[in-house]
Amino acid sequence: MTEHDKNSGRWPVWAVAAVLYPLAMGAAAVNLFFLFLMLQAVGLRSLTPIEAIVGGIVLGVPFTWITGKWIHGLIVQAEDDA
């Protein structure tokens, strides 16, 4: 079996990341919102929900890519061990 045949059924990293994006974006938005709520204790203002969502949309991209690479690596490892 060639290397191409072994990898033909696997999802590429970008596809795994695309599926995970809504989760990562939502998690980033919620965490930003709560972070800035806690930072009110040191004098910063809190974010509005809309600002937190926009920040989640932006921060969701690198978080999704990192998570997608991690999950893809786990899939490759699991399939290679089987």
N, C-alpha and C. Protein backbone atom coordinates (compact mmCIF):
# COMPACT_ATOMS: atom_id res chain seq x y z
N MET A 1 0.85 -1.18 0.00
CA MET A 1 0.00 0.00 0.00
C MET A 1 0.89 1.24 0.00
N THR A 2 0.63 2.15 -0.93
CA THR A 2 1.44 3.36 -1.02
C THR A 2 1.02 4.36 0.04
N GLU A 3 1.85 5.38 0.22
CA GLU A 3 1.55 6.43 1.20
C GLU A 3 0.28 7.18 0.82
N HIS A 4 0.08 7.39 -0.48
CA HIS A 4 -1.14 8.08 -0.93
C HIS A 4 -2.38 7.27 -0.59
N ASP A 5 -2.32 5.96 -0.76
CA ASP A 5 -3.46 5.11 -0.44
C ASP A 5 -3.76 5.13 1.05
N LYS A 6 -2.73 5.17 1.88
CA LYS A 6 -2.93 5.20 3.32
C LYS A 6 -3.60 6.48 3.77
N ASN A 7 -3.28 7.61 3.13
CA ASN A 7 -3.80 8.92 3.55
C ASN A 7 -5.06 9.33 2.81
N SER A 8 -5.51 8.56 1.82
CA SER A 8 -6.62 9.02 0.98
C SER A 8 -7.93 9.17 1.74
N GLY A 9 -8.16 8.41 2.81
CA GLY A 9 -9.40 8.51 3.55
C GLY A 9 -9.35 9.50 4.71
N ARG A 10 -8.21 10.08 4.98
CA ARG A 10 -8.06 11.01 6.12
C ARG A 10 -8.49 12.41 5.73
N TRP A 11 -9.06 13.07 6.71
CA TRP A 11 -9.41 14.48 6.51
C TRP A 11 -8.14 15.31 6.60
N PRO A 12 -7.99 16.32 5.75
CA PRO A 12 -6.85 17.24 5.91
C PRO A 12 -7.07 18.14 7.13
N VAL A 13 -6.00 18.76 7.57
CA VAL A 13 -6.07 19.62 8.77
C VAL A 13 -7.09 20.73 8.58
N TRP A 14 -7.15 21.33 7.39
CA TRP A 14 -8.08 22.44 7.18
C TRP A 14 -9.53 21.99 7.33
N ALA A 15 -9.84 20.75 6.94
CA ALA A 15 -11.22 20.26 7.06
C ALA A 15 -11.58 20.01 8.53
N VAL A 16 -10.63 19.45 9.27
CA VAL A 16 -10.86 19.24 10.70
C VAL A 16 -11.05 20.60 11.38
N ALA A 17 -10.22 21.56 11.01
CA ALA A 17 -10.32 22.91 11.59
C ALA A 17 -11.64 23.57 11.23
N ALA A 18 -12.11 23.38 10.01
CA ALA A 18 -13.39 23.99 9.59
C ALA A 18 -14.55 23.45 10.42
N VAL A 19 -14.51 22.17 10.74
CA VAL A 19 -15.57 21.58 11.55
C VAL A 19 -15.50 22.10 12.99
N LEU A 20 -14.29 22.32 13.49
CA LEU A 20 -14.11 22.75 14.87
C LEU A 20 -14.28 24.27 15.08
N TYR A 21 -14.31 25.06 13.99
CA TYR A 21 -14.33 26.51 14.12
C TYR A 21 -15.48 27.04 14.97
N PRO A 22 -16.72 26.60 14.76
CA PRO A 22 -17.80 27.16 15.60
C PRO A 22 -17.57 26.93 17.09
N LEU A 23 -17.07 25.78 17.45
CA LEU A 23 -16.79 25.49 18.85
C LEU A 23 -15.68 26.39 19.39
N ALA A 24 -14.59 26.50 18.65
CA ALA A 24 -13.45 27.32 19.09
C ALA A 24 -13.83 28.80 19.16
N MET A 25 -14.60 29.26 18.19
CA MET A 25 -15.02 30.66 18.18
C MET A 25 -15.91 30.96 19.38
N GLY A 26 -16.84 30.08 19.66
CA GLY A 26 -17.72 30.28 20.80
C GLY A 26 -16.98 30.25 22.12
N ALA A 27 -16.06 29.30 22.23
CA ALA A 27 -15.27 29.19 23.46
C ALA A 27 -14.40 30.43 23.65
N ALA A 28 -13.80 30.92 22.57
CA ALA A 28 -12.98 32.13 22.67
C ALA A 28 -13.82 33.33 23.08
N ALA A 29 -15.02 33.46 22.52
CA ALA A 29 -15.89 34.59 22.86
C ALA A 29 -16.30 34.55 24.33
N VAL A 30 -16.70 33.38 24.80
CA VAL A 30 -17.12 33.26 26.20
C VAL A 30 -15.95 33.54 27.14
N ASN A 31 -14.79 32.98 26.82
CA ASN A 31 -13.62 33.19 27.68
C ASN A 31 -13.18 34.65 27.68
N LEU A 32 -13.24 35.32 26.54
CA LEU A 32 -12.91 36.75 26.49
C LEU A 32 -13.88 37.56 27.36
N PHE A 33 -15.16 37.25 27.24
CA PHE A 33 -16.16 37.97 28.00
C PHE A 33 -15.90 37.82 29.50
N PHE A 34 -15.68 36.59 29.96
CA PHE A 34 -15.44 36.37 31.39
C PHE A 34 -14.09 36.91 31.84
N LEU A 35 -13.08 36.87 30.98
CA LEU A 35 -11.78 37.44 31.33
C LEU A 35 -11.92 38.93 31.62
N PHE A 36 -12.63 39.63 30.74
CA PHE A 36 -12.77 41.07 30.94
C PHE A 36 -13.71 41.40 32.09
N LEU A 37 -14.63 40.50 32.43
CA LEU A 37 -15.41 40.71 33.64
C LEU A 37 -14.51 40.64 34.87
N MET A 38 -13.57 39.70 34.89
CA MET A 38 -12.64 39.59 36.02
C MET A 38 -11.66 40.75 36.05
N LEU A 39 -11.27 41.25 34.87
CA LEU A 39 -10.31 42.35 34.81
C LEU A 39 -10.90 43.68 35.28
N GLN A 40 -12.20 43.73 35.53
CA GLN A 40 -12.79 44.92 36.12
C GLN A 40 -12.21 45.17 37.51
N ALA A 41 -11.73 44.12 38.14
CA ALA A 41 -11.16 44.25 39.49
C ALA A 41 -9.87 45.09 39.46
N VAL A 42 -9.20 45.15 38.31
CA VAL A 42 -7.97 45.94 38.22
C VAL A 42 -8.18 47.23 37.43
N GLY A 43 -9.45 47.58 37.18
CA GLY A 43 -9.73 48.87 36.58
C GLY A 43 -10.07 48.87 35.10
N LEU A 44 -10.03 47.74 34.42
CA LEU A 44 -10.41 47.72 33.00
C LEU A 44 -11.92 47.61 32.88
N ARG A 45 -12.44 48.06 31.77
CA ARG A 45 -13.89 47.95 31.55
C ARG A 45 -14.20 46.57 31.00
N SER A 46 -15.42 46.14 31.17
CA SER A 46 -15.83 44.85 30.62
C SER A 46 -16.17 45.01 29.14
N LEU A 47 -16.12 43.90 28.42
CA LEU A 47 -16.51 43.92 27.01
C LEU A 47 -18.02 43.75 26.91
N THR A 48 -18.59 44.36 25.89
CA THR A 48 -19.99 44.08 25.61
C THR A 48 -20.06 42.69 24.97
N PRO A 49 -21.22 42.07 24.98
CA PRO A 49 -21.32 40.76 24.33
C PRO A 49 -20.93 40.80 22.84
N ILE A 50 -21.27 41.87 22.16
CA ILE A 50 -20.92 41.99 20.74
C ILE A 50 -19.40 42.07 20.57
N GLU A 51 -18.72 42.85 21.42
CA GLU A 51 -17.26 42.93 21.35
C GLU A 51 -16.63 41.58 21.63
N ALA A 52 -17.19 40.84 22.56
CA ALA A 52 -16.66 39.51 22.87
C ALA A 52 -16.86 38.56 21.69
N ILE A 53 -17.99 38.65 21.02
CA ILE A 53 -18.25 37.80 19.85
C ILE A 53 -17.28 38.13 18.73
N VAL A 54 -17.07 39.41 18.48
CA VAL A 54 -16.12 39.82 17.43
C VAL A 54 -14.71 39.32 17.78
N GLY A 55 -14.33 39.48 19.04
CA GLY A 55 -13.03 38.97 19.48
C GLY A 55 -12.94 37.46 19.33
N GLY A 56 -14.05 36.75 19.61
CA GLY A 56 -14.08 35.30 19.44
C GLY A 56 -13.96 34.90 17.99
N ILE A 57 -14.57 35.66 17.09
CA ILE A 57 -14.46 35.37 15.66
C ILE A 57 -13.01 35.49 15.22
N VAL A 58 -12.34 36.54 15.69
CA VAL A 58 -10.94 36.77 15.30
C VAL A 58 -10.02 35.73 15.96
N LEU A 59 -10.15 35.55 17.26
CA LEU A 59 -9.27 34.62 17.97
C LEU A 59 -9.62 33.16 17.68
N GLY A 60 -10.81 32.91 17.19
CA GLY A 60 -11.20 31.54 16.86
C GLY A 60 -10.36 30.94 15.75
N VAL A 61 -9.85 31.76 14.83
CA VAL A 61 -9.07 31.25 13.70
C VAL A 61 -7.77 30.59 14.16
N PRO A 62 -6.89 31.28 14.90
CA PRO A 62 -5.66 30.59 15.32
C PRO A 62 -5.93 29.46 16.32
N PHE A 63 -6.92 29.64 17.20
CA PHE A 63 -7.24 28.57 18.15
C PHE A 63 -7.73 27.33 17.41
N THR A 64 -8.53 27.54 16.37
CA THR A 64 -9.04 26.42 15.58
C THR A 64 -7.91 25.72 14.85
N TRP A 65 -6.99 26.46 14.29
CA TRP A 65 -5.89 25.85 13.55
C TRP A 65 -5.03 24.99 14.48
N ILE A 66 -4.72 25.51 15.64
CA ILE A 66 -3.93 24.76 16.62
C ILE A 66 -4.67 23.49 17.05
N THR A 67 -5.96 23.63 17.35
CA THR A 67 -6.75 22.48 17.77
C THR A 67 -6.91 21.49 16.62
N GLY A 68 -7.11 21.98 15.42
CA GLY A 68 -7.24 21.11 14.25
C GLY A 68 -5.98 20.29 14.01
N LYS A 69 -4.82 20.93 14.16
CA LYS A 69 -3.56 20.18 13.99
C LYS A 69 -3.41 19.12 15.07
N TRP A 70 -3.80 19.45 16.29
CA TRP A 70 -3.71 18.50 17.39
C TRP A 70 -4.64 17.31 17.15
N ILE A 71 -5.91 17.57 16.82
CA ILE A 71 -6.87 16.51 16.57
C ILE A 71 -6.46 15.66 15.37
N HIS A 72 -5.98 16.31 14.32
CA HIS A 72 -5.53 15.58 13.13
C HIS A 72 -4.38 14.64 13.49
N GLY A 73 -3.46 15.12 14.31
CA GLY A 73 -2.36 14.27 14.76
C GLY A 73 -2.85 13.07 15.55
N LEU A 74 -3.87 13.28 16.40
CA LEU A 74 -4.44 12.17 17.15
C LEU A 74 -5.11 11.16 16.22
N ILE A 75 -5.80 11.65 15.18
CA ILE A 75 -6.44 10.76 14.22
C ILE A 75 -5.39 9.94 13.47
N VAL A 76 -4.34 10.61 13.02
CA VAL A 76 -3.26 9.90 12.30
C VAL A 76 -2.63 8.85 13.21
N GLN A 77 -2.36 9.21 14.44
CA GLN A 77 -1.75 8.26 15.38
C GLN A 77 -2.67 7.07 15.61
N ALA A 78 -3.96 7.32 15.80
CA ALA A 78 -4.91 6.23 16.05
C ALA A 78 -5.03 5.31 14.83
N GLU A 79 -5.05 5.89 13.63
CA GLU A 79 -5.18 5.07 12.43
C GLU A 79 -3.90 4.29 12.14
N ASP A 80 -2.75 4.88 12.43
CA ASP A 80 -1.49 4.18 12.19
C ASP A 80 -1.29 3.05 13.18
N ASP A 81 -1.81 3.19 14.40
CA ASP A 81 -1.68 2.13 15.40
C ASP A 81 -2.62 0.98 15.13
N ALA A 82 -3.70 1.24 14.42
CA ALA A 82 -4.71 0.19 14.18
C ALA A 82 -4.27 -0.81 13.14
